[in-house]
Amino acid sequence: MSFYDILQAWESFPFSQRLQGYSDVDVRRALGKSKLDAEDLLALLSPAAGRHLEEMAQRARQITQNQFGNVIQLFTPMYVSDYCVNHCEYCSFSSIYDFPRKKLDMREVDREAAAIAATGIRHILLLTGESRKDSPVDYLKACVKVLREHFTSIGIEVNPMSVSEYEELAIAGVDSLTVFQEVYHRETYAKLHVKGPKRNYRNRLEAPERGCAAGYRSVNIGALLGLYDWRQEAVIAALHADYLQTNYPSCEISLSIPRFRPFLGEYQPDSDVTDRALVQVLLAYRLFLPRAGITLSTREPARLRDKLVHLGVTKMSAGVSTAVGGHSQDGGTPQFDISDERSVSEIREMLYQNGLQPVFKDWDILIPN
C-alpha cells in the first residue's frame, strides 16, 4: 500500500463541513495531547484554531527547541536548466512560454557553484525544468560531480524518477530529494497540469517514497498553497509526511510551506492564503509532526520570515535566484518572483539577532571520488 491508496480514502471526506464543525474545546483538546492524530490535525487547521494561534505558537516553539535546539539550516537553490516539457498554469518554465531557454554547461555549473559557495553556503539544492531530454540522469550526475567540489550536501528538485535512477544519483553524491505535489486535490491537479508527463498524478505522488526507498537521508514534500483550499491541502500534505515518517523512519522527512507567487503568466489562484493562514499551517505542521523539518523559502517577505523563525522552522533558503545561472550570469527568466532578496550574510545576521544559530554544514558526502 502506498500513500496513493490512503489518499483515495480521503477523497470523499467532507473537508469543509468537518473543518467548520470543530470548536474551541476540540482545539484545546488537541493542544493538550503529546501525540496528535488526524482528528487533532483537522482541529488545528480549522477556523476555530484561528482563535488559538498564540497558544499554538507557544507550544510549537517549545517543541522545536526540544527537537532541534536553536539552529536553522541555510541552503541555496541552484538552477541549471529551465527547459521543460510540461504545461503548468502557474509556472514560468511552462512549455507554452516563448523565452530564451538556458542550460548550463559544466564550466558554467562550476562558476555558479563557486559564486554560491563564496557566500558560505555548503548545502545546495540542484533544480531543473522537467525535461528528460534536456536534463537526463547523465547530465545531472555530471552536475553533481562538479558540485561535490564546492558543497557538502547536494539535494535535487527535478522530474520524478524511478528508484534505480534515484539510486544512481545517490551513488554520484545526491543525499536529499525535494518533490512538491503542488496540489493534492485531484481535479485541480488535472486542470492546472494541462500537458506533459507531470499530468501523471500518481507518478508524482509516489516519487517521494521512491526517494526514501533509494536511501536518501532526507526527503522534502509540500503543497503550493493557494492552488486549492489551503486547509484541505495542508491536511493532506501533513498526512503524506506522516505516512513517509512512519514507513521510512531512517529518512528525515521535511515539509515546505510555499505560497503562490507572481510569475511569467497571468494565472491567479482561487484560494487566498493570508499571512495568518500561513502561520496556522506552520504551527499545525509542527504540532502534528514534532520531528519533521520545516522549510521557509524566500517566497515569503523578510518581515514575515523574521517573525516565524522561532515557530517551527528548521531550514531557510538564503541568497536566492530562481533564474538559471542567476548567481554568476546576467539575464535568465526566473521561475517565480521571490520576496526576500537578502544576501546570505544578511540572513545569517538576522538569525544571530534572534538568538538562533545559522548552520551552513551538518553533513558530509562520504563517497569515493
Protein backbone atom coordinates (compact mmCIF):
# COMPACT_ATOMS: atom_id res chain seq x y z
CA MET A 1 0.00 0.00 0.00
CA SER A 2 1.31 3.45 -0.92
CA PHE A 3 0.07 6.88 0.13
CA TYR A 4 -1.97 6.89 -3.08
CA ASP A 5 -4.19 4.18 -1.60
CA ILE A 6 -4.58 6.09 1.65
CA LEU A 7 -5.39 9.29 -0.20
CA GLN A 8 -8.19 7.62 -2.12
CA ALA A 9 -9.98 7.00 1.19
CA TRP A 10 -9.87 10.77 1.90
CA GLU A 11 -11.27 11.88 -1.44
CA SER A 12 -14.88 11.57 -0.31
CA PHE A 13 -14.19 13.20 3.08
CA PRO A 14 -16.38 16.31 3.64
CA PHE A 15 -13.49 18.65 4.50
CA SER A 16 -15.37 21.94 4.51
CA GLN A 17 -18.23 20.65 6.64
CA ARG A 18 -15.99 18.89 9.15
CA LEU A 19 -13.50 21.73 9.47
CA GLN A 20 -16.32 24.17 10.19
CA GLY A 21 -17.61 21.84 12.91
CA TYR A 22 -14.61 22.00 15.26
CA SER A 23 -14.92 24.08 18.40
CA ASP A 24 -12.61 25.76 20.90
CA VAL A 25 -12.92 22.64 23.04
CA ASP A 26 -11.62 20.46 20.21
CA VAL A 27 -8.64 22.77 19.64
CA ARG A 28 -7.73 22.84 23.34
CA ARG A 29 -8.02 19.06 23.48
CA ALA A 30 -5.53 18.76 20.64
CA LEU A 31 -3.17 21.24 22.30
CA GLY A 32 -3.25 19.17 25.48
CA LYS A 33 -2.05 15.97 23.79
CA SER A 34 1.58 14.88 23.39
CA LYS A 35 0.89 12.78 20.27
CA LEU A 36 -1.66 14.02 17.77
CA ASP A 37 -3.78 12.03 15.33
CA ALA A 38 -5.57 13.04 12.12
CA GLU A 39 -8.59 14.30 14.07
CA ASP A 40 -6.34 16.65 16.04
CA LEU A 41 -4.66 17.84 12.85
CA LEU A 42 -8.05 18.77 11.41
CA ALA A 43 -8.93 20.65 14.58
CA LEU A 44 -5.69 22.65 14.43
CA LEU A 45 -6.34 23.63 10.82
CA SER A 46 -9.99 24.52 11.43
CA PRO A 47 -11.36 28.06 11.59
CA ALA A 48 -11.76 27.61 15.35
CA ALA A 49 -8.00 27.18 15.75
CA GLY A 50 -7.51 30.65 14.32
CA ARG A 51 -8.55 31.96 17.75
CA HIS A 52 -5.76 29.98 19.43
CA LEU A 53 -2.69 30.85 17.39
CA GLU A 54 -0.84 32.28 20.38
CA GLU A 55 -1.28 29.05 22.35
CA MET A 56 -0.28 27.03 19.30
CA ALA A 57 2.78 29.23 18.79
CA GLN A 58 3.98 28.78 22.37
CA ARG A 59 3.70 25.02 22.11
CA ALA A 60 5.31 24.95 18.64
CA ARG A 61 8.26 26.96 19.88
CA GLN A 62 8.76 24.61 22.83
CA ILE A 63 8.58 21.51 20.63
CA THR A 64 11.02 22.96 18.11
CA GLN A 65 13.58 23.82 20.78
CA ASN A 66 13.26 20.36 22.33
CA GLN A 67 13.68 18.58 18.99
CA PHE A 68 16.08 20.83 17.09
CA GLY A 69 17.59 23.32 19.53
CA ASN A 70 18.12 26.91 18.42
CA VAL A 71 19.52 26.20 14.97
CA ILE A 72 18.37 26.98 11.43
CA GLN A 73 19.99 25.24 8.46
CA LEU A 74 20.69 27.51 5.49
CA PHE A 75 20.73 26.40 1.87
CA THR A 76 20.50 27.89 -1.61
CA PRO A 77 18.68 26.57 -4.69
CA MET A 78 20.79 26.43 -7.86
CA TYR A 79 19.01 26.35 -11.23
CA VAL A 80 20.98 24.73 -14.06
CA SER A 81 18.29 24.34 -16.77
CA ASP A 82 14.87 25.83 -17.50
CA TYR A 83 13.90 23.55 -20.39
CA CYS A 84 10.55 21.95 -19.58
CA VAL A 85 8.06 19.78 -21.47
CA ASN A 86 5.14 20.41 -19.11
CA HIS A 87 2.40 22.99 -19.44
CA CYS A 88 1.62 24.00 -15.85
CA GLU A 89 -0.65 27.01 -15.45
CA TYR A 90 1.28 28.53 -12.52
CA CYS A 91 4.96 28.26 -13.60
CA SER A 92 7.20 30.48 -15.73
CA PHE A 93 9.11 27.45 -17.03
CA SER A 94 5.93 26.09 -18.67
CA SER A 95 6.50 24.89 -22.23
CA ILE A 96 3.95 27.38 -23.61
CA TYR A 97 6.09 30.44 -22.83
CA ASP A 98 8.44 31.72 -25.50
CA PHE A 99 11.67 32.96 -23.93
CA PRO A 100 15.36 32.12 -24.46
CA ARG A 101 15.86 28.84 -22.59
CA LYS A 102 19.14 28.21 -20.81
CA LYS A 103 21.12 25.15 -19.76
CA LEU A 104 24.47 25.45 -18.03
CA ASP A 105 27.47 23.52 -19.30
CA MET A 106 29.91 22.13 -16.74
CA ARG A 107 32.16 25.20 -16.79
CA GLU A 108 29.14 27.37 -16.12
CA VAL A 109 27.95 24.99 -13.39
CA ASP A 110 31.37 25.36 -11.75
CA ARG A 111 31.22 29.16 -11.91
CA GLU A 112 27.70 29.23 -10.49
CA ALA A 113 28.67 26.82 -7.71
CA ALA A 114 31.78 28.84 -6.85
CA ALA A 115 29.72 32.03 -6.62
CA ILE A 116 27.26 30.39 -4.22
CA ALA A 117 29.96 28.66 -2.15
CA ALA A 118 31.74 32.01 -1.69
CA THR A 119 28.79 33.12 0.47
CA GLY A 120 29.49 30.31 2.96
CA ILE A 121 26.65 28.03 1.84
CA ARG A 122 27.55 24.34 1.92
CA HIS A 123 24.11 22.77 1.31
CA ILE A 124 22.82 23.16 -2.25
CA LEU A 125 19.54 22.25 -3.96
CA LEU A 126 20.01 21.46 -7.67
CA LEU A 127 16.96 22.37 -9.79
CA THR A 128 15.95 21.95 -13.42
CA GLY A 129 12.85 22.27 -15.53
CA GLU A 130 11.21 18.91 -16.14
CA SER A 131 12.68 17.57 -19.39
CA ARG A 132 14.31 14.17 -19.55
CA LYS A 133 15.71 15.09 -22.96
CA ASP A 134 17.44 18.26 -21.79
CA SER A 135 18.26 17.21 -18.21
CA PRO A 136 18.84 13.43 -18.35
CA VAL A 137 20.31 11.48 -15.46
CA ASP A 138 23.79 11.62 -17.01
CA TYR A 139 23.64 15.43 -17.15
CA LEU A 140 22.54 15.57 -13.51
CA LYS A 141 25.35 13.21 -12.50
CA ALA A 142 27.86 15.42 -14.29
CA CYS A 143 26.50 18.46 -12.43
CA VAL A 144 26.71 16.62 -9.11
CA LYS A 145 30.35 15.71 -9.78
CA VAL A 146 31.13 19.42 -10.13
CA LEU A 147 29.04 20.40 -7.13
CA ARG A 148 30.86 17.92 -4.90
CA GLU A 149 33.95 20.15 -5.22
CA HIS A 150 32.06 23.00 -3.55
CA PHE A 151 29.34 21.60 -1.28
CA THR A 152 28.99 19.00 1.46
CA SER A 153 25.33 18.20 0.83
CA ILE A 154 23.54 18.08 -2.53
CA GLY A 155 19.77 17.84 -2.95
CA ILE A 156 17.78 17.63 -6.17
CA GLU A 157 14.43 19.04 -7.29
CA VAL A 158 13.90 17.62 -10.77
CA ASN A 159 11.34 15.50 -12.65
CA PRO A 160 10.11 12.39 -10.79
CA MET A 161 12.34 9.34 -11.30
CA SER A 162 12.43 5.62 -10.67
CA VAL A 163 14.07 4.09 -7.61
CA SER A 164 17.02 2.91 -9.73
CA GLU A 165 17.54 6.42 -11.16
CA TYR A 166 17.45 7.92 -7.68
CA GLU A 167 19.97 5.29 -6.61
CA GLU A 168 22.26 6.27 -9.50
CA LEU A 169 22.20 9.86 -8.33
CA ALA A 170 22.78 8.78 -4.71
CA ILE A 171 25.94 6.96 -5.81
CA ALA A 172 27.01 10.14 -7.61
CA GLY A 173 26.62 12.16 -4.39
CA VAL A 174 22.99 13.27 -4.03
CA ASP A 175 21.69 12.82 -0.48
CA SER A 176 18.31 14.56 -0.44
CA LEU A 177 15.22 14.93 -2.61
CA THR A 178 12.53 17.58 -2.90
CA VAL A 179 9.30 16.78 -4.76
CA PHE A 180 6.25 19.01 -4.36
CA GLN A 181 2.92 17.53 -5.33
CA GLU A 182 1.96 21.16 -5.98
CA VAL A 183 -1.74 20.43 -5.37
CA TYR A 184 -3.22 17.27 -3.84
CA HIS A 185 -6.80 17.91 -4.93
CA ARG A 186 -7.06 15.64 -7.97
CA GLU A 187 -9.49 17.67 -10.09
CA THR A 188 -7.49 20.85 -9.58
CA TYR A 189 -4.28 18.96 -10.36
CA ALA A 190 -5.73 17.82 -13.70
CA LYS A 191 -6.92 21.34 -14.51
CA LEU A 192 -3.59 23.03 -13.75
CA HIS A 193 -1.32 20.45 -15.39
CA VAL A 194 -2.52 20.76 -18.96
CA LYS A 195 0.14 18.87 -20.87
CA GLY A 196 3.22 16.73 -20.30
CA PRO A 197 4.30 13.87 -18.02
CA LYS A 198 3.52 15.94 -14.94
CA ARG A 199 -0.14 15.21 -15.63
CA ASN A 200 0.52 11.75 -14.15
CA TYR A 201 -0.78 12.45 -10.65
CA ARG A 202 0.13 9.11 -9.12
CA ASN A 203 3.65 9.05 -10.53
CA ARG A 204 4.39 12.37 -8.87
CA LEU A 205 2.64 11.47 -5.63
CA GLU A 206 4.75 8.34 -5.18
CA ALA A 207 8.09 9.93 -6.17
CA PRO A 208 9.00 10.94 -2.57
CA GLU A 209 8.51 7.35 -1.44
CA ARG A 210 10.79 6.16 -4.24
CA GLY A 211 13.41 8.59 -2.92
CA CYS A 212 13.02 7.10 0.55
CA ALA A 213 13.37 3.60 -0.91
CA ALA A 214 16.55 4.70 -2.73
CA GLY A 215 18.13 5.51 0.63
CA TYR A 216 18.18 9.31 0.62
CA ARG A 217 18.84 10.72 4.07
CA SER A 218 16.26 13.49 3.59
CA VAL A 219 13.06 13.88 1.55
CA ASN A 220 11.12 17.14 1.40
CA ILE A 221 7.50 17.45 0.23
CA GLY A 222 4.82 20.11 0.15
CA ALA A 223 1.78 21.69 -1.46
CA LEU A 224 1.94 25.03 -3.25
CA LEU A 225 -0.55 26.81 -1.04
CA GLY A 226 -3.13 28.81 -2.94
CA LEU A 227 -3.79 26.42 -5.81
CA TYR A 228 -6.71 24.91 -3.87
CA ASP A 229 -8.31 25.33 -0.44
CA TRP A 230 -5.33 25.81 1.86
CA ARG A 231 -6.81 23.99 4.84
CA GLN A 232 -7.54 20.81 2.90
CA GLU A 233 -4.18 20.91 1.13
CA ALA A 234 -2.33 21.34 4.43
CA VAL A 235 -4.17 18.38 5.96
CA ILE A 236 -3.23 16.05 3.10
CA ALA A 237 0.39 17.25 2.91
CA ALA A 238 0.81 16.62 6.65
CA LEU A 239 -0.75 13.16 6.35
CA HIS A 240 1.62 12.42 3.45
CA ALA A 241 4.61 13.41 5.58
CA ASP A 242 3.29 11.31 8.47
CA TYR A 243 2.98 8.29 6.15
CA LEU A 244 6.59 8.70 4.99
CA GLN A 245 7.89 9.14 8.55
CA THR A 246 6.08 6.02 9.69
CA ASN A 247 7.22 3.83 6.82
CA TYR A 248 10.78 5.18 6.45
CA PRO A 249 11.95 6.06 9.96
CA SER A 250 15.62 6.34 8.95
CA CYS A 251 14.82 9.15 6.48
CA GLU A 252 14.41 12.75 7.63
CA ILE A 253 11.05 13.91 6.29
CA SER A 254 10.53 17.63 5.80
CA LEU A 255 7.66 19.85 4.74
CA SER A 256 7.82 23.12 2.85
CA ILE A 257 5.08 25.75 3.09
CA PRO A 258 5.39 27.71 -0.18
CA ARG A 259 2.70 30.15 -1.23
CA PHE A 260 1.86 31.03 -4.82
CA ARG A 261 3.98 33.90 -6.17
CA PRO A 262 3.77 36.03 -9.34
CA PHE A 263 5.39 34.50 -12.43
CA LEU A 264 5.59 34.98 -16.20
CA GLY A 265 1.93 34.10 -16.86
CA GLU A 266 -1.42 35.55 -15.81
CA TYR A 267 -2.89 32.69 -13.76
CA GLN A 268 -4.27 33.74 -10.39
CA PRO A 269 -5.23 31.12 -7.77
CA ASP A 270 -8.71 30.90 -6.30
CA SER A 271 -7.61 30.39 -2.69
CA ASP A 272 -6.30 33.39 -0.76
CA VAL A 273 -3.61 32.32 1.71
CA THR A 274 -3.14 35.19 4.15
CA ASP A 275 -0.15 35.60 6.44
CA ARG A 276 -2.33 34.42 9.31
CA ALA A 277 -3.29 31.30 7.35
CA LEU A 278 0.37 30.55 6.63
CA VAL A 279 1.17 30.84 10.32
CA GLN A 280 -1.65 28.44 11.18
CA VAL A 281 -0.33 25.87 8.68
CA LEU A 282 3.20 26.18 10.03
CA LEU A 283 2.07 25.72 13.63
CA ALA A 284 -0.23 22.80 12.82
CA TYR A 285 2.61 21.05 10.97
CA ARG A 286 4.95 21.45 13.92
CA LEU A 287 2.43 20.22 16.50
CA PHE A 288 1.34 17.25 14.38
CA LEU A 289 4.86 16.28 13.26
CA PRO A 290 7.34 17.21 16.03
CA ARG A 291 10.31 15.52 14.31
CA ALA A 292 9.74 16.83 10.79
CA GLY A 293 11.90 19.50 9.25
CA ILE A 294 10.01 22.60 8.08
CA THR A 295 11.37 24.83 5.32
CA LEU A 296 10.51 28.51 4.88
CA SER A 297 11.50 29.89 1.49
CA THR A 298 12.25 33.32 0.07
CA ARG A 299 8.77 33.33 -1.45
CA GLU A 300 7.87 34.99 1.87
CA PRO A 301 8.74 38.62 2.67
CA ALA A 302 11.63 39.38 5.01
CA ARG A 303 9.44 40.85 7.76
CA LEU A 304 7.35 37.69 7.93
CA ARG A 305 10.28 35.29 7.78
CA ASP A 306 11.91 37.16 10.65
CA LYS A 307 8.80 36.67 12.80
CA LEU A 308 8.44 32.95 12.03
CA VAL A 309 11.96 31.72 12.75
CA HIS A 310 11.05 30.65 16.31
CA LEU A 311 7.75 28.96 15.47
CA GLY A 312 8.76 25.63 13.97
CA VAL A 313 11.07 26.49 11.09
CA THR A 314 14.26 24.41 10.79
CA LYS A 315 15.50 25.30 7.28
CA MET A 316 15.63 28.54 5.31
CA SER A 317 16.82 29.42 1.84
CA ALA A 318 19.11 32.44 1.53
CA GLY A 319 20.78 34.44 -1.22
CA VAL A 320 18.30 33.08 -3.76
CA SER A 321 17.93 33.45 -7.52
CA THR A 322 15.29 31.40 -9.36
CA ALA A 323 16.85 32.02 -12.79
CA VAL A 324 19.30 29.62 -14.44
CA GLY A 325 22.83 30.77 -13.61
CA GLY A 326 21.40 33.65 -11.62
CA HIS A 327 24.36 33.90 -9.23
CA SER A 328 27.06 34.20 -11.89
CA GLN A 329 25.32 35.36 -15.11
CA ASP A 330 23.06 38.22 -16.13
CA GLY A 331 19.64 37.64 -17.63
CA GLY A 332 17.58 34.50 -17.39
CA THR A 333 13.88 34.09 -16.71
CA PRO A 334 13.03 33.48 -13.03
CA GLN A 335 10.74 30.55 -12.28
CA PHE A 336 8.81 32.86 -9.94
CA ASP A 337 9.37 36.15 -8.13
CA ILE A 338 10.97 35.94 -4.71
CA SER A 339 10.06 38.26 -1.83
CA ASP A 340 13.08 38.08 0.46
CA GLU A 341 16.08 39.24 -1.57
CA ARG A 342 18.53 39.44 1.33
CA SER A 343 22.01 38.01 1.00
CA VAL A 344 23.28 35.02 2.93
CA SER A 345 25.21 37.31 5.28
CA GLU A 346 22.09 39.38 5.97
CA ILE A 347 20.05 36.25 6.77
CA ARG A 348 22.86 34.99 8.99
CA GLU A 349 22.92 38.29 10.92
CA MET A 350 19.12 38.25 11.31
CA LEU A 351 19.29 34.77 12.85
CA TYR A 352 22.02 35.81 15.27
CA GLN A 353 19.92 38.80 16.33
CA ASN A 354 17.06 36.39 17.05
CA GLY A 355 19.23 34.20 19.25
CA LEU A 356 19.49 31.44 16.66
CA GLN A 357 22.49 29.64 15.21
CA PRO A 358 22.71 29.53 11.40
CA VAL A 359 24.10 26.19 10.26
CA PHE A 360 25.94 26.06 6.95
CA LYS A 361 27.13 22.47 7.18
CA ASP A 362 25.83 19.46 9.09
CA TRP A 363 26.51 16.69 6.56
CA ASP A 364 29.43 15.38 4.51
CA ILE A 365 29.26 13.38 1.29
CA LEU A 366 31.28 10.26 2.08
CA ILE A 367 31.68 8.53 -1.26
CA PRO A 368 34.82 7.71 -3.28
CA ASN A 369 35.95 10.25 -5.86
